[in-house]
Amino acid sequence: MLKKVKRRYLALKIDCSEAPTSKEFTETVWEAISRLYGECGASQTSLSLISFDEKTKSAVLRTGHTTVDMVRTSLASITHIENKPAAVHVLTVSGTIKALHKGLKQ
């Protein structure tokens, strides 16, 4: 019998002089994961972009609960997005989107 995949949601803040597009951000995250863990490691993350806001430079990513540390490490290794200096900070991690937004308000 297959186990249910436990997911985790990461709230992110992007430090960058110019706000990147969602496509640029997603490509940069995938490149960082592939650079650190290779194609096999990247495929294990089952990473997806849930929301992205260019005005506030924030994003929400979804990943499996076993790969949260891999994703956090990869996000910390990001120094440039489309040749612009940038840093990505993880604000909070949660098991549901509702709890994630509640944690951000506090």
PDB file of N, CA and C in Angstrom:
ATOM      1  N   MET A   1       0.834  -1.176   0.000  1.00  0.00           N
ATOM      2  CA  MET A   1       0.000   0.000   0.000  1.00  0.00           C
ATOM      3  C   MET A   1       0.888   1.253   0.000  1.00  0.00           C
ATOM      4  N   LEU A   2       0.501   2.225  -0.763  1.00  0.00           N
ATOM      5  CA  LEU A   2       1.269   3.465  -0.853  1.00  0.00           C
ATOM      6  C   LEU A   2       0.991   4.359   0.345  1.00  0.00           C
ATOM      7  N   LYS A   3       2.056   5.008   0.801  1.00  0.00           N
ATOM      8  CA  LYS A   3       1.901   5.966   1.885  1.00  0.00           C
ATOM      9  C   LYS A   3       1.475   7.308   1.324  1.00  0.00           C
ATOM     10  N   LYS A   4       0.708   8.037   2.107  1.00  0.00           N
ATOM     11  CA  LYS A   4       0.318   9.389   1.733  1.00  0.00           C
ATOM     12  C   LYS A   4       1.538  10.305   1.849  1.00  0.00           C
ATOM     13  N   VAL A   5       1.720  11.147   0.869  1.00  0.00           N
ATOM     14  CA  VAL A   5       2.853  12.070   0.876  1.00  0.00           C
ATOM     15  C   VAL A   5       2.546  13.217   1.830  1.00  0.00           C
ATOM     16  N   LYS A   6       3.427  13.403   2.802  1.00  0.00           N
ATOM     17  CA  LYS A   6       3.276  14.521   3.726  1.00  0.00           C
ATOM     18  C   LYS A   6       3.986  15.719   3.118  1.00  0.00           C
ATOM     19  N   ARG A   7       3.277  16.791   3.005  1.00  0.00           N
ATOM     20  CA  ARG A   7       3.842  17.975   2.363  1.00  0.00           C
ATOM     21  C   ARG A   7       4.141  19.054   3.376  1.00  0.00           C
ATOM     22  N   ARG A   8       5.083  19.888   3.025  1.00  0.00           N
ATOM     23  CA  ARG A   8       5.428  21.053   3.830  1.00  0.00           C
ATOM     24  C   ARG A   8       5.429  22.280   2.924  1.00  0.00           C
ATOM     25  N   TYR A   9       5.017  23.386   3.500  1.00  0.00           N
ATOM     26  CA  TYR A   9       4.947  24.649   2.779  1.00  0.00           C
ATOM     27  C   TYR A   9       5.951  25.608   3.395  1.00  0.00           C
ATOM     28  N   LEU A  10       6.742  26.255   2.538  1.00  0.00           N
ATOM     29  CA  LEU A  10       7.766  27.188   2.985  1.00  0.00           C
ATOM     30  C   LEU A  10       7.403  28.596   2.536  1.00  0.00           C
ATOM     31  N   ALA A  11       7.327  29.524   3.479  1.00  0.00           N
ATOM     32  CA  ALA A  11       7.113  30.931   3.158  1.00  0.00           C
ATOM     33  C   ALA A  11       8.485  31.577   2.987  1.00  0.00           C
ATOM     34  N   LEU A  12       8.674  32.265   1.875  1.00  0.00           N
ATOM     35  CA  LEU A  12       9.984  32.820   1.529  1.00  0.00           C
ATOM     36  C   LEU A  12       9.915  34.321   1.327  1.00  0.00           C
ATOM     37  N   LYS A  13      11.012  34.988   1.633  1.00  0.00           N
ATOM     38  CA  LYS A  13      11.194  36.403   1.350  1.00  0.00           C
ATOM     39  C   LYS A  13      12.418  36.519   0.464  1.00  0.00           C
ATOM     40  N   ILE A  14      12.312  37.259  -0.634  1.00  0.00           N
ATOM     41  CA  ILE A  14      13.403  37.402  -1.588  1.00  0.00           C
ATOM     42  C   ILE A  14      14.028  38.774  -1.429  1.00  0.00           C
ATOM     43  N   ASP A  15      15.313  38.811  -1.112  1.00  0.00           N
ATOM     44  CA  ASP A  15      16.062  40.067  -1.015  1.00  0.00           C
ATOM     45  C   ASP A  15      16.737  40.313  -2.349  1.00  0.00           C
ATOM     46  N   CYS A  16      16.235  41.307  -3.082  1.00  0.00           N
ATOM     47  CA  CYS A  16      16.773  41.586  -4.403  1.00  0.00           C
ATOM     48  C   CYS A  16      16.453  43.040  -4.736  1.00  0.00           C
ATOM     49  N   SER A  17      17.345  43.686  -5.478  1.00  0.00           N
ATOM     50  CA  SER A  17      17.100  45.079  -5.838  1.00  0.00           C
ATOM     51  C   SER A  17      15.890  45.211  -6.767  1.00  0.00           C
ATOM     52  N   GLU A  18      15.780  44.302  -7.719  1.00  0.00           N
ATOM     53  CA  GLU A  18      14.622  44.269  -8.619  1.00  0.00           C
ATOM     54  C   GLU A  18      13.871  42.968  -8.399  1.00  0.00           C
ATOM     55  N   ALA A  19      12.562  43.035  -8.367  1.00  0.00           N
ATOM     56  CA  ALA A  19      11.771  41.823  -8.142  1.00  0.00           C
ATOM     57  C   ALA A  19      11.862  40.903  -9.362  1.00  0.00           C
ATOM     58  N   PRO A  20      12.230  39.644  -9.149  1.00  0.00           N
ATOM     59  CA  PRO A  20      12.275  38.700 -10.271  1.00  0.00           C
ATOM     60  C   PRO A  20      10.865  38.251 -10.646  1.00  0.00           C
ATOM     61  N   THR A  21      10.729  37.705 -11.833  1.00  0.00           N
ATOM     62  CA  THR A  21       9.447  37.121 -12.219  1.00  0.00           C
ATOM     63  C   THR A  21       9.342  35.732 -11.597  1.00  0.00           C
ATOM     64  N   SER A  22       8.155  35.179 -11.597  1.00  0.00           N
ATOM     65  CA  SER A  22       7.984  33.847 -11.017  1.00  0.00           C
ATOM     66  C   SER A  22       8.773  32.797 -11.795  1.00  0.00           C
ATOM     67  N   LYS A  23       8.867  32.972 -13.110  1.00  0.00           N
ATOM     68  CA  LYS A  23       9.627  32.028 -13.935  1.00  0.00           C
ATOM     69  C   LYS A  23      11.117  32.091 -13.597  1.00  0.00           C
ATOM     70  N   GLU A  24      11.668  33.294 -13.474  1.00  0.00           N
ATOM     71  CA  GLU A  24      13.077  33.453 -13.120  1.00  0.00           C
ATOM     72  C   GLU A  24      13.365  32.839 -11.753  1.00  0.00           C
ATOM     73  N   PHE A  25      12.468  33.072 -10.808  1.00  0.00           N
ATOM     74  CA  PHE A  25      12.661  32.537  -9.458  1.00  0.00           C
ATOM     75  C   PHE A  25      12.621  31.011  -9.456  1.00  0.00           C
ATOM     76  N   THR A  26      11.635  30.437 -10.129  1.00  0.00           N
ATOM     77  CA  THR A  26      11.505  28.982 -10.184  1.00  0.00           C
ATOM     78  C   THR A  26      12.724  28.342 -10.827  1.00  0.00           C
ATOM     79  N   GLU A  27      13.190  28.911 -11.933  1.00  0.00           N
ATOM     80  CA  GLU A  27      14.372  28.374 -12.611  1.00  0.00           C
ATOM     81  C   GLU A  27      15.603  28.438 -11.710  1.00  0.00           C
ATOM     82  N   THR A  28      15.747  29.524 -10.968  1.00  0.00           N
ATOM     83  CA  THR A  28      16.890  29.684 -10.070  1.00  0.00           C
ATOM     84  C   THR A  28      16.852  28.654  -8.947  1.00  0.00           C
ATOM     85  N   VAL A  29      15.668  28.403  -8.394  1.00  0.00           N
ATOM     86  CA  VAL A  29      15.541  27.413  -7.322  1.00  0.00           C
ATOM     87  C   VAL A  29      15.892  26.022  -7.844  1.00  0.00           C
ATOM     88  N   TRP A  30      15.375  25.663  -9.024  1.00  0.00           N
ATOM     89  CA  TRP A  30      15.687  24.351  -9.597  1.00  0.00           C
ATOM     90  C   TRP A  30      17.173  24.206  -9.898  1.00  0.00           C
ATOM     91  N   GLU A  31      17.799  25.275 -10.393  1.00  0.00           N
ATOM     92  CA  GLU A  31      19.237  25.240 -10.658  1.00  0.00           C
ATOM     93  C   GLU A  31      20.026  25.019  -9.373  1.00  0.00           C
ATOM     94  N   ALA A  32      19.621  25.682  -8.293  1.00  0.00           N
ATOM     95  CA  ALA A  32      20.317  25.543  -7.012  1.00  0.00           C
ATOM     96  C   ALA A  32      20.194  24.114  -6.476  1.00  0.00           C
ATOM     97  N   ILE A  33      19.007  23.536  -6.562  1.00  0.00           N
ATOM     98  CA  ILE A  33      18.810  22.166  -6.083  1.00  0.00           C
ATOM     99  C   ILE A  33      19.612  21.193  -6.941  1.00  0.00           C
ATOM    100  N   SER A  34      19.571  21.375  -8.249  1.00  0.00           N
ATOM    101  CA  SER A  34      20.313  20.487  -9.147  1.00  0.00           C
ATOM    102  C   SER A  34      21.817  20.598  -8.939  1.00  0.00           C
ATOM    103  N   ARG A  35      22.293  21.805  -8.668  1.00  0.00           N
ATOM    104  CA  ARG A  35      23.726  22.020  -8.458  1.00  0.00           C
ATOM    105  C   ARG A  35      24.202  21.306  -7.184  1.00  0.00           C
ATOM    106  N   LEU A  36      23.395  21.345  -6.135  1.00  0.00           N
ATOM    107  CA  LEU A  36      23.805  20.729  -4.871  1.00  0.00           C
ATOM    108  C   LEU A  36      23.528  19.229  -4.803  1.00  0.00           C
ATOM    109  N   TYR A  37      22.391  18.784  -5.347  1.00  0.00           N
ATOM    110  CA  TYR A  37      21.961  17.401  -5.153  1.00  0.00           C
ATOM    111  C   TYR A  37      21.815  16.604  -6.444  1.00  0.00           C
ATOM    112  N   GLY A  38      22.040  17.230  -7.585  1.00  0.00           N
ATOM    113  CA  GLY A  38      21.933  16.528  -8.859  1.00  0.00           C
ATOM    114  C   GLY A  38      20.483  16.327  -9.282  1.00  0.00           C
ATOM    115  N   GLU A  39      20.313  15.714 -10.447  1.00  0.00           N
ATOM    116  CA  GLU A  39      18.977  15.502 -10.991  1.00  0.00           C
ATOM    117  C   GLU A  39      18.145  14.556 -10.122  1.00  0.00           C
ATOM    118  N   CYS A  40      18.789  13.522  -9.599  1.00  0.00           N
ATOM    119  CA  CYS A  40      18.079  12.548  -8.756  1.00  0.00           C
ATOM    120  C   CYS A  40      17.556  13.220  -7.484  1.00  0.00           C
ATOM    121  N   GLY A  41      18.382  14.018  -6.843  1.00  0.00           N
ATOM    122  CA  GLY A  41      17.961  14.734  -5.640  1.00  0.00           C
ATOM    123  C   GLY A  41      16.870  15.742  -5.922  1.00  0.00           C
ATOM    124  N   ALA A  42      16.982  16.419  -7.060  1.00  0.00           N
ATOM    125  CA  ALA A  42      15.970  17.411  -7.426  1.00  0.00           C
ATOM    126  C   ALA A  42      14.614  16.751  -7.665  1.00  0.00           C
ATOM    127  N   SER A  43      14.637  15.565  -8.253  1.00  0.00           N
ATOM    128  CA  SER A  43      13.368  14.887  -8.526  1.00  0.00           C
ATOM    129  C   SER A  43      12.712  14.387  -7.243  1.00  0.00           C
ATOM    130  N   GLN A  44      13.478  14.136  -6.210  1.00  0.00           N
ATOM    131  CA  GLN A  44      12.920  13.664  -4.941  1.00  0.00           C
ATOM    132  C   GLN A  44      12.176  14.753  -4.185  1.00  0.00           C
ATOM    133  N   THR A  45      12.467  16.011  -4.468  1.00  0.00           N
ATOM    134  CA  THR A  45      11.863  17.105  -3.704  1.00  0.00           C
ATOM    135  C   THR A  45      10.392  17.322  -4.026  1.00  0.00           C
ATOM    136  N   SER A  46       9.958  16.920  -5.221  1.00  0.00           N
ATOM    137  CA  SER A  46       8.587  17.195  -5.698  1.00  0.00           C
ATOM    138  C   SER A  46       8.192  18.642  -5.380  1.00  0.00           C
ATOM    139  N   LEU A  47       9.063  19.540  -5.768  1.00  0.00           N
ATOM    140  CA  LEU A  47       8.927  20.958  -5.467  1.00  0.00           C
ATOM    141  C   LEU A  47       7.939  21.621  -6.415  1.00  0.00           C
ATOM    142  N   SER A  48       7.119  22.522  -5.870  1.00  0.00           N
ATOM    143  CA  SER A  48       6.240  23.311  -6.729  1.00  0.00           C
ATOM    144  C   SER A  48       6.024  24.696  -6.108  1.00  0.00           C
ATOM    145  N   LEU A  49       5.866  25.673  -6.974  1.00  0.00           N
ATOM    146  CA  LEU A  49       5.618  27.045  -6.556  1.00  0.00           C
ATOM    147  C   LEU A  49       4.119  27.223  -6.373  1.00  0.00           C
ATOM    148  N   ILE A  50       3.692  27.535  -5.166  1.00  0.00           N
ATOM    149  CA  ILE A  50       2.270  27.698  -4.865  1.00  0.00           C
ATOM    150  C   ILE A  50       1.824  29.129  -5.142  1.00  0.00           C
ATOM    151  N   SER A  51       2.590  30.093  -4.653  1.00  0.00           N
ATOM    152  CA  SER A  51       2.240  31.489  -4.916  1.00  0.00           C
ATOM    153  C   SER A  51       3.515  32.316  -5.001  1.00  0.00           C
ATOM    154  N   PHE A  52       3.406  33.426  -5.726  1.00  0.00           N
ATOM    155  CA  PHE A  52       4.540  34.326  -5.907  1.00  0.00           C
ATOM    156  C   PHE A  52       3.991  35.737  -6.051  1.00  0.00           C
ATOM    157  N   ASP A  53       4.540  36.661  -5.276  1.00  0.00           N
ATOM    158  CA  ASP A  53       4.097  38.052  -5.331  1.00  0.00           C
ATOM    159  C   ASP A  53       5.302  38.941  -5.624  1.00  0.00           C
ATOM    160  N   GLU A  54       5.293  39.557  -6.810  1.00  0.00           N
ATOM    161  CA  GLU A  54       6.416  40.407  -7.211  1.00  0.00           C
ATOM    162  C   GLU A  54       6.478  41.694  -6.394  1.00  0.00           C
ATOM    163  N   LYS A  55       5.329  42.217  -5.966  1.00  0.00           N
ATOM    164  CA  LYS A  55       5.317  43.475  -5.216  1.00  0.00           C
ATOM    165  C   LYS A  55       5.967  43.325  -3.849  1.00  0.00           C
ATOM    166  N   THR A  56       5.614  42.272  -3.134  1.00  0.00           N
ATOM    167  CA  THR A  56       6.167  42.070  -1.793  1.00  0.00           C
ATOM    168  C   THR A  56       7.421  41.202  -1.806  1.00  0.00           C
ATOM    169  N   LYS A  57       7.782  40.686  -2.976  1.00  0.00           N
ATOM    170  CA  LYS A  57       8.941  39.808  -3.148  1.00  0.00           C
ATOM    171  C   LYS A  57       8.856  38.614  -2.194  1.00  0.00           C
ATOM    172  N   SER A  58       7.704  37.967  -2.217  1.00  0.00           N
ATOM    173  CA  SER A  58       7.505  36.799  -1.363  1.00  0.00           C
ATOM    174  C   SER A  58       6.980  35.638  -2.196  1.00  0.00           C
ATOM    175  N   ALA A  59       7.177  34.426  -1.670  1.00  0.00           N
ATOM    176  CA  ALA A  59       6.744  33.233  -2.384  1.00  0.00           C
ATOM    177  C   ALA A  59       6.405  32.140  -1.387  1.00  0.00           C
ATOM    178  N   VAL A  60       5.629  31.157  -1.847  1.00  0.00           N
ATOM    179  CA  VAL A  60       5.327  29.965  -1.068  1.00  0.00           C
ATOM    180  C   VAL A  60       5.667  28.764  -1.935  1.00  0.00           C
ATOM    181  N   LEU A  61       6.496  27.873  -1.395  1.00  0.00           N
ATOM    182  CA  LEU A  61       6.885  26.641  -2.084  1.00  0.00           C
ATOM    183  C   LEU A  61       6.303  25.451  -1.346  1.00  0.00           C
ATOM    184  N   ARG A  62       5.985  24.385  -2.100  1.00  0.00           N
ATOM    185  CA  ARG A  62       5.548  23.129  -1.504  1.00  0.00           C
ATOM    186  C   ARG A  62       6.581  22.053  -1.805  1.00  0.00           C
ATOM    187  N   THR A  63       6.878  21.230  -0.798  1.00  0.00           N
ATOM    188  CA  THR A  63       7.819  20.128  -0.965  1.00  0.00           C
ATOM    189  C   THR A  63       7.407  18.987  -0.041  1.00  0.00           C
ATOM    190  N   GLY A  64       8.035  17.850  -0.198  1.00  0.00           N
ATOM    191  CA  GLY A  64       7.786  16.729   0.691  1.00  0.00           C
ATOM    192  C   GLY A  64       8.431  16.955   2.048  1.00  0.00           C
ATOM    193  N   HIS A  65       7.881  16.351   3.106  1.00  0.00           N
ATOM    194  CA  HIS A  65       8.416  16.613   4.442  1.00  0.00           C
ATOM    195  C   HIS A  65       9.822  16.038   4.641  1.00  0.00           C
ATOM    196  N   THR A  66      10.187  15.041   3.861  1.00  0.00           N
ATOM    197  CA  THR A  66      11.525  14.459   4.006  1.00  0.00           C
ATOM    198  C   THR A  66      12.603  15.281   3.301  1.00  0.00           C
ATOM    199  N   THR A  67      12.205  16.196   2.441  1.00  0.00           N
ATOM    200  CA  THR A  67      13.186  16.958   1.668  1.00  0.00           C
ATOM    201  C   THR A  67      13.233  18.439   2.043  1.00  0.00           C
ATOM    202  N   VAL A  68      12.625  18.808   3.158  1.00  0.00           N
ATOM    203  CA  VAL A  68      12.619  20.221   3.568  1.00  0.00           C
ATOM    204  C   VAL A  68      14.048  20.732   3.760  1.00  0.00           C
ATOM    205  N   ASP A  69      14.890  19.933   4.398  1.00  0.00           N
ATOM    206  CA  ASP A  69      16.274  20.371   4.637  1.00  0.00           C
ATOM    207  C   ASP A  69      17.043  20.558   3.334  1.00  0.00           C
ATOM    208  N   MET A  70      16.800  19.683   2.352  1.00  0.00           N
ATOM    209  CA  MET A  70      17.455  19.828   1.046  1.00  0.00           C
ATOM    210  C   MET A  70      17.047  21.148   0.388  1.00  0.00           C
ATOM    211  N   VAL A  71      15.768  21.457   0.438  1.00  0.00           N
ATOM    212  CA  VAL A  71      15.257  22.683  -0.189  1.00  0.00           C
ATOM    213  C   VAL A  71      15.794  23.908   0.538  1.00  0.00           C
ATOM    214  N   ARG A  72      15.787  23.875   1.870  1.00  0.00           N
ATOM    215  CA  ARG A  72      16.300  25.020   2.637  1.00  0.00           C
ATOM    216  C   ARG A  72      17.777  25.269   2.346  1.00  0.00           C
ATOM    217  N   THR A  73      18.557  24.209   2.253  1.00  0.00           N
ATOM    218  CA  THR A  73      19.980  24.340   1.937  1.00  0.00           C
ATOM    219  C   THR A  73      20.170  24.942   0.552  1.00  0.00           C
ATOM    220  N   SER A  74      19.382  24.477  -0.391  1.00  0.00           N
ATOM    221  CA  SER A  74      19.483  24.990  -1.759  1.00  0.00           C
ATOM    222  C   SER A  74      19.085  26.454  -1.828  1.00  0.00           C
ATOM    223  N   LEU A  75      18.045  26.838  -1.103  1.00  0.00           N
ATOM    224  CA  LEU A  75      17.618  28.240  -1.095  1.00  0.00           C
ATOM    225  C   LEU A  75      18.694  29.132  -0.493  1.00  0.00           C
ATOM    226  N   ALA A  76      19.377  28.640   0.525  1.00  0.00           N
ATOM    227  CA  ALA A  76      20.443  29.422   1.158  1.00  0.00           C
ATOM    228  C   ALA A  76      21.636  29.616   0.229  1.00  0.00           C
ATOM    229  N   SER A  77      21.792  28.722  -0.747  1.00  0.00           N
ATOM    230  CA  SER A  77      22.931  28.825  -1.663  1.00  0.00           C
ATOM    231  C   SER A  77      22.690  29.796  -2.816  1.00  0.00           C
ATOM    232  N   ILE A  78      21.479  30.314  -2.932  1.00  0.00           N
ATOM    233  CA  ILE A  78      21.168  31.251  -4.027  1.00  0.00           C
ATOM    234  C   ILE A  78      21.786  32.613  -3.724  1.00  0.00           C
ATOM    235  N   THR A  79      22.625  33.092  -4.640  1.00  0.00           N
ATOM    236  CA  THR A  79      23.252  34.410  -4.489  1.00  0.00           C
ATOM    237  C   THR A  79      22.877  35.367  -5.614  1.00  0.00           C
ATOM    238  N   HIS A  80      22.383  34.827  -6.727  1.00  0.00           N
ATOM    239  CA  HIS A  80      21.986  35.650  -7.869  1.00  0.00           C
ATOM    240  C   HIS A  80      20.719  35.090  -8.499  1.00  0.00           C
ATOM    241  N   ILE A  81      19.852  35.993  -8.938  1.00  0.00           N
ATOM    242  CA  ILE A  81      18.694  35.619  -9.742  1.00  0.00           C
ATOM    243  C   ILE A  81      18.781  36.431 -11.023  1.00  0.00           C
ATOM    244  N   GLU A  82      18.992  35.743 -12.134  1.00  0.00           N
ATOM    245  CA  GLU A  82      19.160  36.401 -13.439  1.00  0.00           C
ATOM    246  C   GLU A  82      20.240  37.484 -13.387  1.00  0.00           C
ATOM    247  N   ASN A  83      21.412  37.125 -12.904  1.00  0.00           N
ATOM    248  CA  ASN A  83      22.585  38.007 -12.827  1.00  0.00           C
ATOM    249  C   ASN A  83      22.377  39.238 -11.960  1.00  0.00           C
ATOM    250  N   LYS A  84      21.393  39.200 -11.061  1.00  0.00           N
ATOM    251  CA  LYS A  84      21.192  40.282 -10.097  1.00  0.00           C
ATOM    252  C   LYS A  84      21.445  39.705  -8.709  1.00  0.00           C
ATOM    253  N   PRO A  85      22.212  40.396  -7.870  1.00  0.00           N
ATOM    254  CA  PRO A  85      22.465  39.879  -6.517  1.00  0.00           C
ATOM    255  C   PRO A  85      21.143  39.658  -5.773  1.00  0.00           C
ATOM    256  N   ALA A  86      21.046  38.517  -5.103  1.00  0.00           N
ATOM    257  CA  ALA A  86      19.804  38.199  -4.395  1.00  0.00           C
ATOM    258  C   ALA A  86      20.085  37.203  -3.283  1.00  0.00           C
ATOM    259  N   ALA A  87      19.164  37.153  -2.342  1.00  0.00           N
ATOM    260  CA  ALA A  87      19.192  36.158  -1.265  1.00  0.00           C
ATOM    261  C   ALA A  87      17.756  35.748  -0.988  1.00  0.00           C
ATOM    262  N   VAL A  88      17.576  34.488  -0.621  1.00  0.00           N
ATOM    263  CA  VAL A  88      16.242  33.975  -0.315  1.00  0.00           C
ATOM    264  C   VAL A  88      16.238  33.545   1.144  1.00  0.00           C
ATOM    265  N   HIS A  89      15.274  34.057   1.911  1.00  0.00           N
ATOM    266  CA  HIS A  89      15.159  33.752   3.328  1.00  0.00           C
ATOM    267  C   HIS A  89      13.885  32.957   3.586  1.00  0.00           C
ATOM    268  N   VAL A  90      13.996  31.886   4.362  1.00  0.00           N
ATOM    269  CA  VAL A  90      12.827  31.101   4.748  1.00  0.00           C
ATOM    270  C   VAL A  90      12.245  31.738   5.998  1.00  0.00           C
ATOM    271  N   LEU A  91      10.999  32.206   5.900  1.00  0.00           N
ATOM    272  CA  LEU A  91      10.354  32.848   7.038  1.00  0.00           C
ATOM    273  C   LEU A  91       9.752  31.829   7.989  1.00  0.00           C
ATOM    274  N   THR A  92       9.036  30.845   7.426  1.00  0.00           N
ATOM    275  CA  THR A  92       8.419  29.811   8.255  1.00  0.00           C
ATOM    276  C   THR A  92       8.111  28.579   7.411  1.00  0.00           C
ATOM    277  N   VAL A  93       7.968  27.446   8.078  1.00  0.00           N
ATOM    278  CA  VAL A  93       7.621  26.180   7.443  1.00  0.00           C
ATOM    279  C   VAL A  93       6.397  25.638   8.162  1.00  0.00           C
ATOM    280  N   SER A  94       5.450  25.101   7.389  1.00  0.00           N
ATOM    281  CA  SER A  94       4.233  24.582   7.994  1.00  0.00           C
ATOM    282  C   SER A  94       3.699  23.398   7.199  1.00  0.00           C
ATOM    283  N   GLY A  95       2.807  22.644   7.820  1.00  0.00           N
ATOM    284  CA  GLY A  95       2.200  21.495   7.169  1.00  0.00           C
ATOM    285  C   GLY A  95       0.976  21.838   6.349  1.00  0.00           C
ATOM    286  N   THR A  96       0.393  23.015   6.593  1.00  0.00           N
ATOM    287  CA  THR A  96      -0.778  23.449   5.815  1.00  0.00           C
ATOM    288  C   THR A  96      -0.606  24.915   5.429  1.00  0.00           C
ATOM    289  N   ILE A  97      -1.265  25.309   4.369  1.00  0.00           N
ATOM    290  CA  ILE A  97      -1.190  26.706   3.924  1.00  0.00           C
ATOM    291  C   ILE A  97      -1.873  27.615   4.937  1.00  0.00           C
ATOM    292  N   LYS A  98      -2.976  27.142   5.524  1.00  0.00           N
ATOM    293  CA  LYS A  98      -3.703  27.937   6.512  1.00  0.00           C
ATOM    294  C   LYS A  98      -2.801  28.258   7.713  1.00  0.00           C
ATOM    295  N   ALA A  99      -2.110  27.253   8.230  1.00  0.00           N
ATOM    296  CA  ALA A  99      -1.210  27.465   9.362  1.00  0.00           C
ATOM    297  C   ALA A  99      -0.014  28.327   8.960  1.00  0.00           C
ATOM    298  N   LEU A 100       0.405  28.223   7.716  1.00  0.00           N
ATOM    299  CA  LEU A 100       1.511  29.037   7.228  1.00  0.00           C
ATOM    300  C   LEU A 100       1.147  30.518   7.276  1.00  0.00           C
ATOM    301  N   HIS A 101      -0.038  30.862   6.793  1.00  0.00           N
ATOM    302  CA  HIS A 101      -0.473  32.259   6.803  1.00  0.00           C
ATOM    303  C   HIS A 101      -0.712  32.748   8.230  1.00  0.00           C
ATOM    304  N   LYS A 102      -1.191  31.860   9.089  1.00  0.00           N
ATOM    305  CA  LYS A 102      -1.395  32.231  10.496  1.00  0.00           C
ATOM    306  C   LYS A 102      -0.051  32.514  11.157  1.00  0.00           C
ATOM    307  N   GLY A 103       0.964  31.711  10.851  1.00  0.00           N
ATOM    308  CA  GLY A 103       2.296  31.914  11.413  1.00  0.00           C
ATOM    309  C   GLY A 103       2.953  33.198  10.923  1.00  0.00           C
ATOM    310  N   LEU A 104       2.625  33.602   9.689  1.00  0.00           N
ATOM    311  CA  LEU A 104       3.199  34.839   9.148  1.00  0.00           C
ATOM    312  C   LEU A 104       2.587  36.077   9.785  1.00  0.00           C
ATOM    313  N   LYS A 105       1.325  35.992  10.191  1.00  0.00           N
ATOM    314  CA  LYS A 105       0.662  37.142  10.793  1.00  0.00           C
ATOM    315  C   LYS A 105       1.165  37.429  12.194  1.00  0.00           C
ATOM    316  N   GLN A 106       1.666  36.400  12.885  1.00  0.00           N
ATOM    317  CA  GLN A 106       2.136  36.597  14.269  1.00  0.00           C
ATOM    318  C   GLN A 106       3.493  37.184  14.322  1.00  0.00           C
TER     319      GLN A 106
END
